[in-house]
Amino acid sequence: MMKLLVTGLLVGVAAGLVGALCGVGGGIIMVPAFILALGMTQKVAVATSLAVVVVSGLSGTINNALNSDLIRWEVVAVTAVGAAVASWFGADLMRGLSSPQLQKGFGVLLVIVGVRMLLMKG
């Protein structure tokens, strides 16, 4: 139980900081940490991470909304609709795939995005 508390907490701190700084955190930080440190399956790690993102995203959004004009609300309105619909069906799709399929797909996505970011200018 203590390992769970120390690991949830440390993973949450890392994911919150990375999320606030880079706009990511759930998939990149929490999913691998939940699998490696807590022994979760890929599916459980993904579903748990998504639930945490709701809370951390709300916290960061409130802070940004109160203390800056960085949020483009018209983009949020349009994008959120698409994201909500896709997430609903994506959760069904995720449950239909095996954990190894999800892990391989996740790894490929991280490599592709990482290489693309390294090659970007400015």
PDB file of N, CA and C in Angstrom:
ATOM      1  N   MET A   1       0.821  -1.195   0.000  1.00  0.00           N
ATOM      2  CA  MET A   1       0.000   0.000   0.000  1.00  0.00           C
ATOM      3  C   MET A   1       0.868   1.263   0.000  1.00  0.00           C
ATOM      4  N   MET A   2       1.957   1.247   0.781  1.00  0.00           N
ATOM      5  CA  MET A   2       2.846   2.405   0.838  1.00  0.00           C
ATOM      6  C   MET A   2       3.502   2.634  -0.515  1.00  0.00           C
ATOM      7  N   LYS A   3       3.902   1.529  -1.189  1.00  0.00           N
ATOM      8  CA  LYS A   3       4.511   1.661  -2.524  1.00  0.00           C
ATOM      9  C   LYS A   3       3.537   2.334  -3.481  1.00  0.00           C
ATOM     10  N   LEU A   4       2.287   1.943  -3.410  1.00  0.00           N
ATOM     11  CA  LEU A   4       1.260   2.535  -4.264  1.00  0.00           C
ATOM     12  C   LEU A   4       1.137   4.032  -3.997  1.00  0.00           C
ATOM     13  N   LEU A   5       1.089   4.419  -2.749  1.00  0.00           N
ATOM     14  CA  LEU A   5       0.932   5.836  -2.412  1.00  0.00           C
ATOM     15  C   LEU A   5       2.136   6.662  -2.858  1.00  0.00           C
ATOM     16  N   VAL A   6       3.322   6.167  -2.594  1.00  0.00           N
ATOM     17  CA  VAL A   6       4.533   6.911  -2.955  1.00  0.00           C
ATOM     18  C   VAL A   6       4.680   6.973  -4.469  1.00  0.00           C
ATOM     19  N   THR A   7       4.441   5.811  -5.155  1.00  0.00           N
ATOM     20  CA  THR A   7       4.543   5.777  -6.619  1.00  0.00           C
ATOM     21  C   THR A   7       3.499   6.685  -7.224  1.00  0.00           C
ATOM     22  N   GLY A   8       1.927   6.624  -6.735  1.00  0.00           N
ATOM     23  CA  GLY A   8       0.912   7.461  -7.327  1.00  0.00           C
ATOM     24  C   GLY A   8       1.250   8.913  -7.236  1.00  0.00           C
ATOM     25  N   LEU A   9       1.739   9.178  -6.044  1.00  0.00           N
ATOM     26  CA  LEU A   9       2.102  10.575  -5.758  1.00  0.00           C
ATOM     27  C   LEU A   9       3.246  11.068  -6.636  1.00  0.00           C
ATOM     28  N   LEU A  10       4.360  10.320  -6.712  1.00  0.00           N
ATOM     29  CA  LEU A  10       5.514  10.763  -7.512  1.00  0.00           C
ATOM     30  C   LEU A  10       5.185  10.805  -8.998  1.00  0.00           C
ATOM     31  N   VAL A  11       4.455   9.817  -9.470  1.00  0.00           N
ATOM     32  CA  VAL A  11       4.047   9.809 -10.877  1.00  0.00           C
ATOM     33  C   VAL A  11       3.126  10.992 -11.147  1.00  0.00           C
ATOM     34  N   GLY A  12       2.246  11.286 -10.213  1.00  0.00           N
ATOM     35  CA  GLY A  12       1.347  12.423 -10.372  1.00  0.00           C
ATOM     36  C   GLY A  12       2.088  13.745 -10.432  1.00  0.00           C
ATOM     37  N   VAL A  13       3.106  13.906  -9.584  1.00  0.00           N
ATOM     38  CA  VAL A  13       3.905  15.134  -9.609  1.00  0.00           C
ATOM     39  C   VAL A  13       4.607  15.277 -10.957  1.00  0.00           C
ATOM     40  N   ALA A  14       5.248  14.207 -11.411  1.00  0.00           N
ATOM     41  CA  ALA A  14       5.957  14.252 -12.697  1.00  0.00           C
ATOM     42  C   ALA A  14       4.988  14.520 -13.844  1.00  0.00           C
ATOM     43  N   ALA A  15       3.867  13.823 -13.856  1.00  0.00           N
ATOM     44  CA  ALA A  15       2.887  14.005 -14.931  1.00  0.00           C
ATOM     45  C   ALA A  15       2.280  15.397 -14.901  1.00  0.00           C
ATOM     46  N   GLY A  16       2.019  15.915 -13.712  1.00  0.00           N
ATOM     47  CA  GLY A  16       1.458  17.255 -13.600  1.00  0.00           C
ATOM     48  C   GLY A  16       2.413  18.322 -14.119  1.00  0.00           C
ATOM     49  N   LEU A  17       3.699  18.192 -13.750  1.00  0.00           N
ATOM     50  CA  LEU A  17       4.689  19.159 -14.229  1.00  0.00           C
ATOM     51  C   LEU A  17       4.878  19.074 -15.736  1.00  0.00           C
ATOM     52  N   VAL A  18       5.036  17.859 -16.242  1.00  0.00           N
ATOM     53  CA  VAL A  18       5.227  17.686 -17.686  1.00  0.00           C
ATOM     54  C   VAL A  18       3.974  18.129 -18.434  1.00  0.00           C
ATOM     55  N   GLY A  19       2.812  17.808 -17.882  1.00  0.00           N
ATOM     56  CA  GLY A  19       1.564  18.223 -18.512  1.00  0.00           C
ATOM     57  C   GLY A  19       1.433  19.731 -18.575  1.00  0.00           C
ATOM     58  N   ALA A  20       1.766  20.403 -17.488  1.00  0.00           N
ATOM     59  CA  ALA A  20       1.661  21.861 -17.454  1.00  0.00           C
ATOM     60  C   ALA A  20       2.685  22.528 -18.356  1.00  0.00           C
ATOM     61  N   LEU A  21       3.867  21.934 -18.459  1.00  0.00           N
ATOM     62  CA  LEU A  21       4.928  22.526 -19.274  1.00  0.00           C
ATOM     63  C   LEU A  21       4.818  22.186 -20.750  1.00  0.00           C
ATOM     64  N   CYS A  22       4.347  20.988 -21.052  1.00  0.00           N
ATOM     65  CA  CYS A  22       4.376  20.508 -22.439  1.00  0.00           C
ATOM     66  C   CYS A  22       3.005  20.146 -23.005  1.00  0.00           C
ATOM     67  N   GLY A  23       1.981  20.129 -22.188  1.00  0.00           N
ATOM     68  CA  GLY A  23       0.657  19.754 -22.677  1.00  0.00           C
ATOM     69  C   GLY A  23       0.472  18.259 -22.808  1.00  0.00           C
ATOM     70  N   VAL A  24       1.372  17.498 -22.198  1.00  0.00           N
ATOM     71  CA  VAL A  24       1.259  16.045 -22.203  1.00  0.00           C
ATOM     72  C   VAL A  24       1.489  15.547 -20.785  1.00  0.00           C
ATOM     73  N   GLY A  25       1.367  14.296 -20.556  1.00  0.00           N
ATOM     74  CA  GLY A  25       1.621  13.762 -19.232  1.00  0.00           C
ATOM     75  C   GLY A  25       0.958  12.426 -19.037  1.00  0.00           C
ATOM     76  N   GLY A  26      -0.310  12.327 -19.409  1.00  0.00           N
ATOM     77  CA  GLY A  26      -1.027  11.075 -19.201  1.00  0.00           C
ATOM     78  C   GLY A  26      -0.344   9.897 -19.848  1.00  0.00           C
ATOM     79  N   GLY A  27      -0.274   9.931 -21.147  1.00  0.00           N
ATOM     80  CA  GLY A  27       0.300   8.809 -21.867  1.00  0.00           C
ATOM     81  C   GLY A  27       1.793   8.682 -21.703  1.00  0.00           C
ATOM     82  N   ILE A  28       2.482   9.781 -21.765  1.00  0.00           N
ATOM     83  CA  ILE A  28       3.937   9.736 -21.799  1.00  0.00           C
ATOM     84  C   ILE A  28       4.543   9.426 -20.441  1.00  0.00           C
ATOM     85  N   ILE A  29       3.973   9.911 -19.375  1.00  0.00           N
ATOM     86  CA  ILE A  29       4.520   9.692 -18.042  1.00  0.00           C
ATOM     87  C   ILE A  29       3.766   8.601 -17.289  1.00  0.00           C
ATOM     88  N   MET A  30       2.467   8.757 -17.169  1.00  0.00           N
ATOM     89  CA  MET A  30       1.709   7.865 -16.296  1.00  0.00           C
ATOM     90  C   MET A  30       1.589   6.442 -16.802  1.00  0.00           C
ATOM     91  N   VAL A  31       1.299   6.254 -18.062  1.00  0.00           N
ATOM     92  CA  VAL A  31       1.089   4.889 -18.556  1.00  0.00           C
ATOM     93  C   VAL A  31       2.331   4.023 -18.349  1.00  0.00           C
ATOM     94  N   PRO A  32       3.517   4.450 -18.804  1.00  0.00           N
ATOM     95  CA  PRO A  32       4.697   3.610 -18.540  1.00  0.00           C
ATOM     96  C   PRO A  32       4.978   3.422 -17.045  1.00  0.00           C
ATOM     97  N   ALA A  33       4.799   4.477 -16.251  1.00  0.00           N
ATOM     98  CA  ALA A  33       5.059   4.367 -14.807  1.00  0.00           C
ATOM     99  C   ALA A  33       4.085   3.404 -14.141  1.00  0.00           C
ATOM    100  N   PHE A  34       2.826   3.477 -14.510  1.00  0.00           N
ATOM    101  CA  PHE A  34       1.841   2.567 -13.929  1.00  0.00           C
ATOM    102  C   PHE A  34       2.156   1.113 -14.286  1.00  0.00           C
ATOM    103  N   ILE A  35       2.618   0.893 -15.495  1.00  0.00           N
ATOM    104  CA  ILE A  35       2.949  -0.469 -15.933  1.00  0.00           C
ATOM    105  C   ILE A  35       4.211  -0.960 -15.222  1.00  0.00           C
ATOM    106  N   LEU A  36       5.273  -0.145 -15.256  1.00  0.00           N
ATOM    107  CA  LEU A  36       6.561  -0.583 -14.718  1.00  0.00           C
ATOM    108  C   LEU A  36       6.605  -0.589 -13.196  1.00  0.00           C
ATOM    109  N   ALA A  37       6.069   0.431 -12.558  1.00  0.00           N
ATOM    110  CA  ALA A  37       6.184   0.541 -11.108  1.00  0.00           C
ATOM    111  C   ALA A  37       5.055  -0.160 -10.353  1.00  0.00           C
ATOM    112  N   LEU A  38       3.876  -0.172 -10.937  1.00  0.00           N
ATOM    113  CA  LEU A  38       2.729  -0.739 -10.233  1.00  0.00           C
ATOM    114  C   LEU A  38       2.228  -2.049 -10.822  1.00  0.00           C
ATOM    115  N   GLY A  39       2.830  -2.475 -11.940  1.00  0.00           N
ATOM    116  CA  GLY A  39       2.467  -3.754 -12.534  1.00  0.00           C
ATOM    117  C   GLY A  39       1.097  -3.788 -13.180  1.00  0.00           C
ATOM    118  N   MET A  40       0.569  -2.632 -13.552  1.00  0.00           N
ATOM    119  CA  MET A  40      -0.730  -2.602 -14.232  1.00  0.00           C
ATOM    120  C   MET A  40      -0.603  -3.148 -15.649  1.00  0.00           C
ATOM    121  N   THR A  41      -1.693  -3.641 -16.174  1.00  0.00           N
ATOM    122  CA  THR A  41      -1.712  -3.985 -17.592  1.00  0.00           C
ATOM    123  C   THR A  41      -1.824  -2.692 -18.387  1.00  0.00           C
ATOM    124  N   GLN A  42      -1.548  -2.772 -19.666  1.00  0.00           N
ATOM    125  CA  GLN A  42      -1.639  -1.591 -20.533  1.00  0.00           C
ATOM    126  C   GLN A  42      -3.034  -0.980 -20.471  1.00  0.00           C
ATOM    127  N   LYS A  43      -4.055  -1.815 -20.524  1.00  0.00           N
ATOM    128  CA  LYS A  43      -5.427  -1.308 -20.527  1.00  0.00           C
ATOM    129  C   LYS A  43      -5.775  -0.584 -19.231  1.00  0.00           C
ATOM    130  N   VAL A  44      -5.398  -1.178 -18.113  1.00  0.00           N
ATOM    131  CA  VAL A  44      -5.692  -0.555 -16.821  1.00  0.00           C
ATOM    132  C   VAL A  44      -4.899   0.748 -16.677  1.00  0.00           C
ATOM    133  N   ALA A  45      -3.650   0.743 -17.129  1.00  0.00           N
ATOM    134  CA  ALA A  45      -2.814   1.949 -17.052  1.00  0.00           C
ATOM    135  C   ALA A  45      -3.408   3.078 -17.907  1.00  0.00           C
ATOM    136  N   VAL A  46      -3.869   2.751 -19.089  1.00  0.00           N
ATOM    137  CA  VAL A  46      -4.465   3.759 -19.977  1.00  0.00           C
ATOM    138  C   VAL A  46      -5.743   4.326 -19.364  1.00  0.00           C
ATOM    139  N   ALA A  47      -6.615   3.462 -18.893  1.00  0.00           N
ATOM    140  CA  ALA A  47      -7.886   3.911 -18.319  1.00  0.00           C
ATOM    141  C   ALA A  47      -7.656   4.730 -17.051  1.00  0.00           C
ATOM    142  N   THR A  48      -6.721   4.308 -16.213  1.00  0.00           N
ATOM    143  CA  THR A  48      -6.412   5.036 -14.984  1.00  0.00           C
ATOM    144  C   THR A  48      -5.800   6.392 -15.306  1.00  0.00           C
ATOM    145  N   SER A  49      -4.888   6.420 -16.259  1.00  0.00           N
ATOM    146  CA  SER A  49      -4.248   7.665 -16.675  1.00  0.00           C
ATOM    147  C   SER A  49      -5.275   8.657 -17.201  1.00  0.00           C
ATOM    148  N   LEU A  50      -6.205   8.174 -17.992  1.00  0.00           N
ATOM    149  CA  LEU A  50      -7.238   9.054 -18.551  1.00  0.00           C
ATOM    150  C   LEU A  50      -8.078   9.681 -17.442  1.00  0.00           C
ATOM    151  N   ALA A  51      -8.376   8.908 -16.401  1.00  0.00           N
ATOM    152  CA  ALA A  51      -9.139   9.447 -15.274  1.00  0.00           C
ATOM    153  C   ALA A  51      -8.344  10.520 -14.531  1.00  0.00           C
ATOM    154  N   VAL A  52      -7.035  10.319 -14.374  1.00  0.00           N
ATOM    155  CA  VAL A  52      -6.199  11.310 -13.695  1.00  0.00           C
ATOM    156  C   VAL A  52      -6.105  12.585 -14.520  1.00  0.00           C
ATOM    157  N   VAL A  53      -6.038  12.441 -15.836  1.00  0.00           N
ATOM    158  CA  VAL A  53      -5.910  13.604 -16.719  1.00  0.00           C
ATOM    159  C   VAL A  53      -7.100  14.550 -16.560  1.00  0.00           C
ATOM    160  N   VAL A  54      -8.267  14.022 -16.274  1.00  0.00           N
ATOM    161  CA  VAL A  54      -9.449  14.872 -16.066  1.00  0.00           C
ATOM    162  C   VAL A  54      -9.178  15.853 -14.931  1.00  0.00           C
ATOM    163  N   VAL A  55      -8.660  15.336 -13.830  1.00  0.00           N
ATOM    164  CA  VAL A  55      -8.420  16.178 -12.656  1.00  0.00           C
ATOM    165  C   VAL A  55      -7.248  17.134 -12.885  1.00  0.00           C
ATOM    166  N   SER A  56      -6.130  16.611 -13.397  1.00  0.00           N
ATOM    167  CA  SER A  56      -4.956  17.469 -13.592  1.00  0.00           C
ATOM    168  C   SER A  56      -5.209  18.510 -14.680  1.00  0.00           C
ATOM    169  N   GLY A  57      -5.912  18.130 -15.721  1.00  0.00           N
ATOM    170  CA  GLY A  57      -6.240  19.080 -16.783  1.00  0.00           C
ATOM    171  C   GLY A  57      -7.129  20.205 -16.285  1.00  0.00           C
ATOM    172  N   LEU A  58      -8.071  19.873 -15.449  1.00  0.00           N
ATOM    173  CA  LEU A  58      -8.957  20.892 -14.885  1.00  0.00           C
ATOM    174  C   LEU A  58      -8.169  21.864 -14.004  1.00  0.00           C
ATOM    175  N   SER A  59      -7.278  21.345 -13.188  1.00  0.00           N
ATOM    176  CA  SER A  59      -6.469  22.184 -12.314  1.00  0.00           C
ATOM    177  C   SER A  59      -5.603  23.163 -13.116  1.00  0.00           C
ATOM    178  N   GLY A  60      -4.889  22.665 -14.108  1.00  0.00           N
ATOM    179  CA  GLY A  60      -4.046  23.530 -14.937  1.00  0.00           C
ATOM    180  C   GLY A  60      -4.846  24.525 -15.743  1.00  0.00           C
ATOM    181  N   THR A  61      -6.003  24.096 -16.219  1.00  0.00           N
ATOM    182  CA  THR A  61      -6.861  24.983 -17.006  1.00  0.00           C
ATOM    183  C   THR A  61      -7.384  26.137 -16.151  1.00  0.00           C
ATOM    184  N   ILE A  62      -7.809  25.830 -14.951  1.00  0.00           N
ATOM    185  CA  ILE A  62      -8.293  26.884 -14.057  1.00  0.00           C
ATOM    186  C   ILE A  62      -7.179  27.878 -13.764  1.00  0.00           C
ATOM    187  N   ASN A  63      -5.979  27.388 -13.487  1.00  0.00           N
ATOM    188  CA  ASN A  63      -4.846  28.278 -13.206  1.00  0.00           C
ATOM    189  C   ASN A  63      -4.558  29.168 -14.409  1.00  0.00           C
ATOM    190  N   ASN A  64      -4.504  28.595 -15.599  1.00  0.00           N
ATOM    191  CA  ASN A  64      -4.250  29.392 -16.805  1.00  0.00           C
ATOM    192  C   ASN A  64      -5.370  30.385 -17.078  1.00  0.00           C
ATOM    193  N   ALA A  65      -6.600  29.982 -16.874  1.00  0.00           N
ATOM    194  CA  ALA A  65      -7.737  30.875 -17.130  1.00  0.00           C
ATOM    195  C   ALA A  65      -7.752  32.051 -16.164  1.00  0.00           C
ATOM    196  N   LEU A  66      -7.371  31.821 -14.925  1.00  0.00           N
ATOM    197  CA  LEU A  66      -7.387  32.885 -13.919  1.00  0.00           C
ATOM    198  C   LEU A  66      -6.184  33.818 -14.021  1.00  0.00           C
ATOM    199  N   ASN A  67      -5.075  33.324 -14.515  1.00  0.00           N
ATOM    200  CA  ASN A  67      -3.831  34.082 -14.441  1.00  0.00           C
ATOM    201  C   ASN A  67      -3.205  34.456 -15.780  1.00  0.00           C
ATOM    202  N   SER A  68      -3.884  34.189 -16.869  1.00  0.00           N
ATOM    203  CA  SER A  68      -3.323  34.551 -18.175  1.00  0.00           C
ATOM    204  C   SER A  68      -4.418  34.534 -19.229  1.00  0.00           C
ATOM    205  N   ASP A  69      -4.057  34.968 -20.405  1.00  0.00           N
ATOM    206  CA  ASP A  69      -4.992  34.911 -21.534  1.00  0.00           C
ATOM    207  C   ASP A  69      -4.459  33.947 -22.588  1.00  0.00           C
ATOM    208  N   LEU A  70      -3.877  32.852 -22.135  1.00  0.00           N
ATOM    209  CA  LEU A  70      -3.244  31.901 -23.048  1.00  0.00           C
ATOM    210  C   LEU A  70      -4.216  30.933 -23.717  1.00  0.00           C
ATOM    211  N   ILE A  71      -5.377  30.752 -23.167  1.00  0.00           N
ATOM    212  CA  ILE A  71      -6.310  29.753 -23.702  1.00  0.00           C
ATOM    213  C   ILE A  71      -7.142  30.351 -24.826  1.00  0.00           C
ATOM    214  N   ARG A  72      -7.151  29.669 -25.945  1.00  0.00           N
ATOM    215  CA  ARG A  72      -7.999  30.061 -27.084  1.00  0.00           C
ATOM    216  C   ARG A  72      -9.308  29.282 -26.955  1.00  0.00           C
ATOM    217  N   TRP A  73     -10.302  29.897 -26.325  1.00  0.00           N
ATOM    218  CA  TRP A  73     -11.548  29.202 -25.993  1.00  0.00           C
ATOM    219  C   TRP A  73     -12.321  28.738 -27.219  1.00  0.00           C
ATOM    220  N   GLU A  74     -12.210  29.464 -28.341  1.00  0.00           N
ATOM    221  CA  GLU A  74     -12.913  29.016 -29.552  1.00  0.00           C
ATOM    222  C   GLU A  74     -12.316  27.710 -30.070  1.00  0.00           C
ATOM    223  N   VAL A  75     -11.008  27.537 -29.902  1.00  0.00           N
ATOM    224  CA  VAL A  75     -10.357  26.280 -30.292  1.00  0.00           C
ATOM    225  C   VAL A  75     -10.763  25.171 -29.328  1.00  0.00           C
ATOM    226  N   VAL A  76     -10.826  25.505 -28.036  1.00  0.00           N
ATOM    227  CA  VAL A  76     -11.260  24.526 -27.031  1.00  0.00           C
ATOM    228  C   VAL A  76     -12.660  24.016 -27.363  1.00  0.00           C
ATOM    229  N   ALA A  77     -13.566  24.930 -27.682  1.00  0.00           N
ATOM    230  CA  ALA A  77     -14.953  24.544 -27.941  1.00  0.00           C
ATOM    231  C   ALA A  77     -15.068  23.551 -29.093  1.00  0.00           C
ATOM    232  N   VAL A  78     -14.382  23.840 -30.170  1.00  0.00           N
ATOM    233  CA  VAL A  78     -14.470  22.972 -31.352  1.00  0.00           C
ATOM    234  C   VAL A  78     -13.721  21.666 -31.138  1.00  0.00           C
ATOM    235  N   THR A  79     -12.507  21.764 -30.620  1.00  0.00           N
ATOM    236  CA  THR A  79     -11.667  20.583 -30.437  1.00  0.00           C
ATOM    237  C   THR A  79     -12.229  19.650 -29.376  1.00  0.00           C
ATOM    238  N   ALA A  80     -12.790  20.206 -28.312  1.00  0.00           N
ATOM    239  CA  ALA A  80     -13.325  19.396 -27.226  1.00  0.00           C
ATOM    240  C   ALA A  80     -14.462  18.491 -27.697  1.00  0.00           C
ATOM    241  N   VAL A  81     -15.280  18.989 -28.608  1.00  0.00           N
ATOM    242  CA  VAL A  81     -16.375  18.165 -29.129  1.00  0.00           C
ATOM    243  C   VAL A  81     -15.813  16.944 -29.852  1.00  0.00           C
ATOM    244  N   GLY A  82     -14.859  17.178 -30.735  1.00  0.00           N
ATOM    245  CA  GLY A  82     -14.244  16.062 -31.449  1.00  0.00           C
ATOM    246  C   GLY A  82     -13.515  15.114 -30.518  1.00  0.00           C
ATOM    247  N   ALA A  83     -12.800  15.665 -29.546  1.00  0.00           N
ATOM    248  CA  ALA A  83     -12.053  14.832 -28.608  1.00  0.00           C
ATOM    249  C   ALA A  83     -12.982  13.996 -27.734  1.00  0.00           C
ATOM    250  N   ALA A  84     -14.083  14.581 -27.298  1.00  0.00           N
ATOM    251  CA  ALA A  84     -15.024  13.851 -26.449  1.00  0.00           C
ATOM    252  C   ALA A  84     -15.654  12.677 -27.205  1.00  0.00           C
ATOM    253  N   VAL A  85     -16.068  12.915 -28.428  1.00  0.00           N
ATOM    254  CA  VAL A  85     -16.667  11.844 -29.231  1.00  0.00           C
ATOM    255  C   VAL A  85     -15.638  10.755 -29.531  1.00  0.00           C
ATOM    256  N   ALA A  86     -14.436  11.161 -29.943  1.00  0.00           N
ATOM    257  CA  ALA A  86     -13.396  10.183 -30.262  1.00  0.00           C
ATOM    258  C   ALA A  86     -12.970   9.402 -29.028  1.00  0.00           C
ATOM    259  N   SER A  87     -12.907  10.056 -27.869  1.00  0.00           N
ATOM    260  CA  SER A  87     -12.526   9.362 -26.636  1.00  0.00           C
ATOM    261  C   SER A  87     -13.559   8.312 -26.245  1.00  0.00           C
ATOM    262  N   TRP A  88     -14.822   8.632 -26.446  1.00  0.00           N
ATOM    263  CA  TRP A  88     -15.884   7.675 -26.121  1.00  0.00           C
ATOM    264  C   TRP A  88     -15.705   6.388 -26.931  1.00  0.00           C
ATOM    265  N   PHE A  89     -15.536   6.551 -28.240  1.00  0.00           N
ATOM    266  CA  PHE A  89     -15.381   5.378 -29.103  1.00  0.00           C
ATOM    267  C   PHE A  89     -13.991   4.768 -28.974  1.00  0.00           C
ATOM    268  N   GLY A  90     -12.995   5.601 -28.690  1.00  0.00           N
ATOM    269  CA  GLY A  90     -11.640   5.097 -28.482  1.00  0.00           C
ATOM    270  C   GLY A  90     -11.540   4.190 -27.277  1.00  0.00           C
ATOM    271  N   ALA A  91     -12.304   4.486 -26.226  1.00  0.00           N
ATOM    272  CA  ALA A  91     -12.319   3.619 -25.042  1.00  0.00           C
ATOM    273  C   ALA A  91     -12.861   2.239 -25.402  1.00  0.00           C
ATOM    274  N   ASP A  92     -13.897   2.204 -26.239  1.00  0.00           N
ATOM    275  CA  ASP A  92     -14.415   0.912 -26.707  1.00  0.00           C
ATOM    276  C   ASP A  92     -13.368   0.172 -27.528  1.00  0.00           C
ATOM    277  N   LEU A  93     -12.706   0.886 -28.417  1.00  0.00           N
ATOM    278  CA  LEU A  93     -11.659   0.287 -29.253  1.00  0.00           C
ATOM    279  C   LEU A  93     -10.523  -0.251 -28.390  1.00  0.00           C
ATOM    280  N   MET A  94     -10.092   0.524 -27.381  1.00  0.00           N
ATOM    281  CA  MET A  94      -9.007   0.109 -26.501  1.00  0.00           C
ATOM    282  C   MET A  94      -9.342  -1.200 -25.793  1.00  0.00           C
ATOM    283  N   ARG A  95     -10.561  -1.334 -25.314  1.00  0.00           N
ATOM    284  CA  ARG A  95     -10.949  -2.565 -24.622  1.00  0.00           C
ATOM    285  C   ARG A  95     -10.979  -3.760 -25.555  1.00  0.00           C
ATOM    286  N   GLY A  96     -11.143  -3.519 -26.840  1.00  0.00           N
ATOM    287  CA  GLY A  96     -11.182  -4.616 -27.812  1.00  0.00           C
ATOM    288  C   GLY A  96      -9.811  -5.082 -28.278  1.00  0.00           C
ATOM    289  N   LEU A  97      -8.773  -4.311 -27.994  1.00  0.00           N
ATOM    290  CA  LEU A  97      -7.411  -4.683 -28.390  1.00  0.00           C
ATOM    291  C   LEU A  97      -6.698  -5.370 -27.237  1.00  0.00           C
ATOM    292  N   SER A  98      -5.691  -6.140 -27.542  1.00  0.00           N
ATOM    293  CA  SER A  98      -4.908  -6.789 -26.483  1.00  0.00           C
ATOM    294  C   SER A  98      -3.899  -5.798 -25.909  1.00  0.00           C
ATOM    295  N   SER A  99      -3.445  -6.065 -24.699  1.00  0.00           N
ATOM    296  CA  SER A  99      -2.431  -5.198 -24.092  1.00  0.00           C
ATOM    297  C   SER A  99      -1.153  -5.143 -24.930  1.00  0.00           C
ATOM    298  N   PRO A 100      -0.660  -6.279 -25.463  1.00  0.00           N
ATOM    299  CA  PRO A 100       0.531  -6.184 -26.317  1.00  0.00           C
ATOM    300  C   PRO A 100       0.311  -5.317 -27.566  1.00  0.00           C
ATOM    301  N   GLN A 101      -0.862  -5.384 -28.169  1.00  0.00           N
ATOM    302  CA  GLN A 101      -1.153  -4.535 -29.326  1.00  0.00           C
ATOM    303  C   GLN A 101      -1.122  -3.062 -28.923  1.00  0.00           C
ATOM    304  N   LEU A 102      -1.715  -2.749 -27.786  1.00  0.00           N
ATOM    305  CA  LEU A 102      -1.727  -1.372 -27.305  1.00  0.00           C
ATOM    306  C   LEU A 102      -0.322  -0.889 -26.969  1.00  0.00           C
ATOM    307  N   GLN A 103       0.481  -1.737 -26.325  1.00  0.00           N
ATOM    308  CA  GLN A 103       1.840  -1.352 -25.973  1.00  0.00           C
ATOM    309  C   GLN A 103       2.678  -1.073 -27.211  1.00  0.00           C
ATOM    310  N   LYS A 104       2.580  -1.924 -28.205  1.00  0.00           N
ATOM    311  CA  LYS A 104       3.345  -1.718 -29.442  1.00  0.00           C
ATOM    312  C   LYS A 104       2.902  -0.437 -30.152  1.00  0.00           C
ATOM    313  N   GLY A 105       1.609  -0.220 -30.245  1.00  0.00           N
ATOM    314  CA  GLY A 105       1.101   0.992 -30.873  1.00  0.00           C
ATOM    315  C   GLY A 105       1.530   2.238 -30.126  1.00  0.00           C
ATOM    316  N   PHE A 106       1.497   2.187 -28.817  1.00  0.00           N
ATOM    317  CA  PHE A 106       1.916   3.305 -27.988  1.00  0.00           C
ATOM    318  C   PHE A 106       3.400   3.594 -28.185  1.00  0.00           C
ATOM    319  N   GLY A 107       4.210   2.549 -28.204  1.00  0.00           N
ATOM    320  CA  GLY A 107       5.644   2.721 -28.417  1.00  0.00           C
ATOM    321  C   GLY A 107       5.957   3.333 -29.773  1.00  0.00           C
ATOM    322  N   VAL A 108       5.298   2.870 -30.810  1.00  0.00           N
ATOM    323  CA  VAL A 108       5.501   3.415 -32.153  1.00  0.00           C
ATOM    324  C   VAL A 108       5.101   4.887 -32.190  1.00  0.00           C
ATOM    325  N   LEU A 109       3.962   5.206 -31.577  1.00  0.00           N
ATOM    326  CA  LEU A 109       3.514   6.602 -31.539  1.00  0.00           C
ATOM    327  C   LEU A 109       4.546   7.499 -30.841  1.00  0.00           C
ATOM    328  N   LEU A 110       5.079   7.047 -29.704  1.00  0.00           N
ATOM    329  CA  LEU A 110       6.076   7.841 -28.985  1.00  0.00           C
ATOM    330  C   LEU A 110       7.325   8.072 -29.824  1.00  0.00           C
ATOM    331  N   VAL A 111       7.779   7.042 -30.526  1.00  0.00           N
ATOM    332  CA  VAL A 111       8.973   7.181 -31.366  1.00  0.00           C
ATOM    333  C   VAL A 111       8.715   8.168 -32.505  1.00  0.00           C
ATOM    334  N   ILE A 112       7.594   8.017 -33.184  1.00  0.00           N
ATOM    335  CA  ILE A 112       7.274   8.897 -34.314  1.00  0.00           C
ATOM    336  C   ILE A 112       7.167  10.354 -33.847  1.00  0.00           C
ATOM    337  N   VAL A 113       6.435  10.581 -32.761  1.00  0.00           N
ATOM    338  CA  VAL A 113       6.265  11.950 -32.256  1.00  0.00           C
ATOM    339  C   VAL A 113       7.602  12.493 -31.768  1.00  0.00           C
ATOM    340  N   GLY A 114       8.382  11.669 -31.077  1.00  0.00           N
ATOM    341  CA  GLY A 114       9.684  12.110 -30.586  1.00  0.00           C
ATOM    342  C   GLY A 114      10.632  12.505 -31.702  1.00  0.00           C
ATOM    343  N   VAL A 115      10.711  11.695 -32.737  1.00  0.00           N
ATOM    344  CA  VAL A 115      11.583  12.007 -33.874  1.00  0.00           C
ATOM    345  C   VAL A 115      11.109  13.270 -34.574  1.00  0.00           C
ATOM    346  N   ARG A 116       9.822  13.387 -34.755  1.00  0.00           N
ATOM    347  CA  ARG A 116       9.277  14.594 -35.407  1.00  0.00           C
ATOM    348  C   ARG A 116       9.613  15.855 -34.604  1.00  0.00           C
ATOM    349  N   MET A 117       9.475  15.779 -33.304  1.00  0.00           N
ATOM    350  CA  MET A 117       9.781  16.945 -32.466  1.00  0.00           C
ATOM    351  C   MET A 117      11.274  17.287 -32.512  1.00  0.00           C
ATOM    352  N   LEU A 118      12.116  16.265 -32.543  1.00  0.00           N
ATOM    353  CA  LEU A 118      13.557  16.515 -32.625  1.00  0.00           C
ATOM    354  C   LEU A 118      13.958  17.185 -33.937  1.00  0.00           C
ATOM    355  N   LEU A 119      13.217  16.889 -34.996  1.00  0.00           N
ATOM    356  CA  LEU A 119      13.539  17.431 -36.312  1.00  0.00           C
ATOM    357  C   LEU A 119      12.900  18.796 -36.582  1.00  0.00           C
ATOM    358  N   MET A 120      11.988  19.213 -35.723  1.00  0.00           N
ATOM    359  CA  MET A 120      11.315  20.500 -35.905  1.00  0.00           C
ATOM    360  C   MET A 120      12.284  21.660 -35.672  1.00  0.00           C
ATOM    361  N   LYS A 121      12.065  22.718 -36.393  1.00  0.00           N
ATOM    362  CA  LYS A 121      12.868  23.932 -36.216  1.00  0.00           C
ATOM    363  C   LYS A 121      12.055  24.940 -35.427  1.00  0.00           C
ATOM    364  N   GLY A 122      12.697  25.542 -34.420  1.00  0.00           N
ATOM    365  CA  GLY A 122      12.080  26.613 -33.624  1.00  0.00           C
ATOM    366  C   GLY A 122      10.836  26.177 -33.032  1.00  0.00           C
TER     367      GLY A 122
END
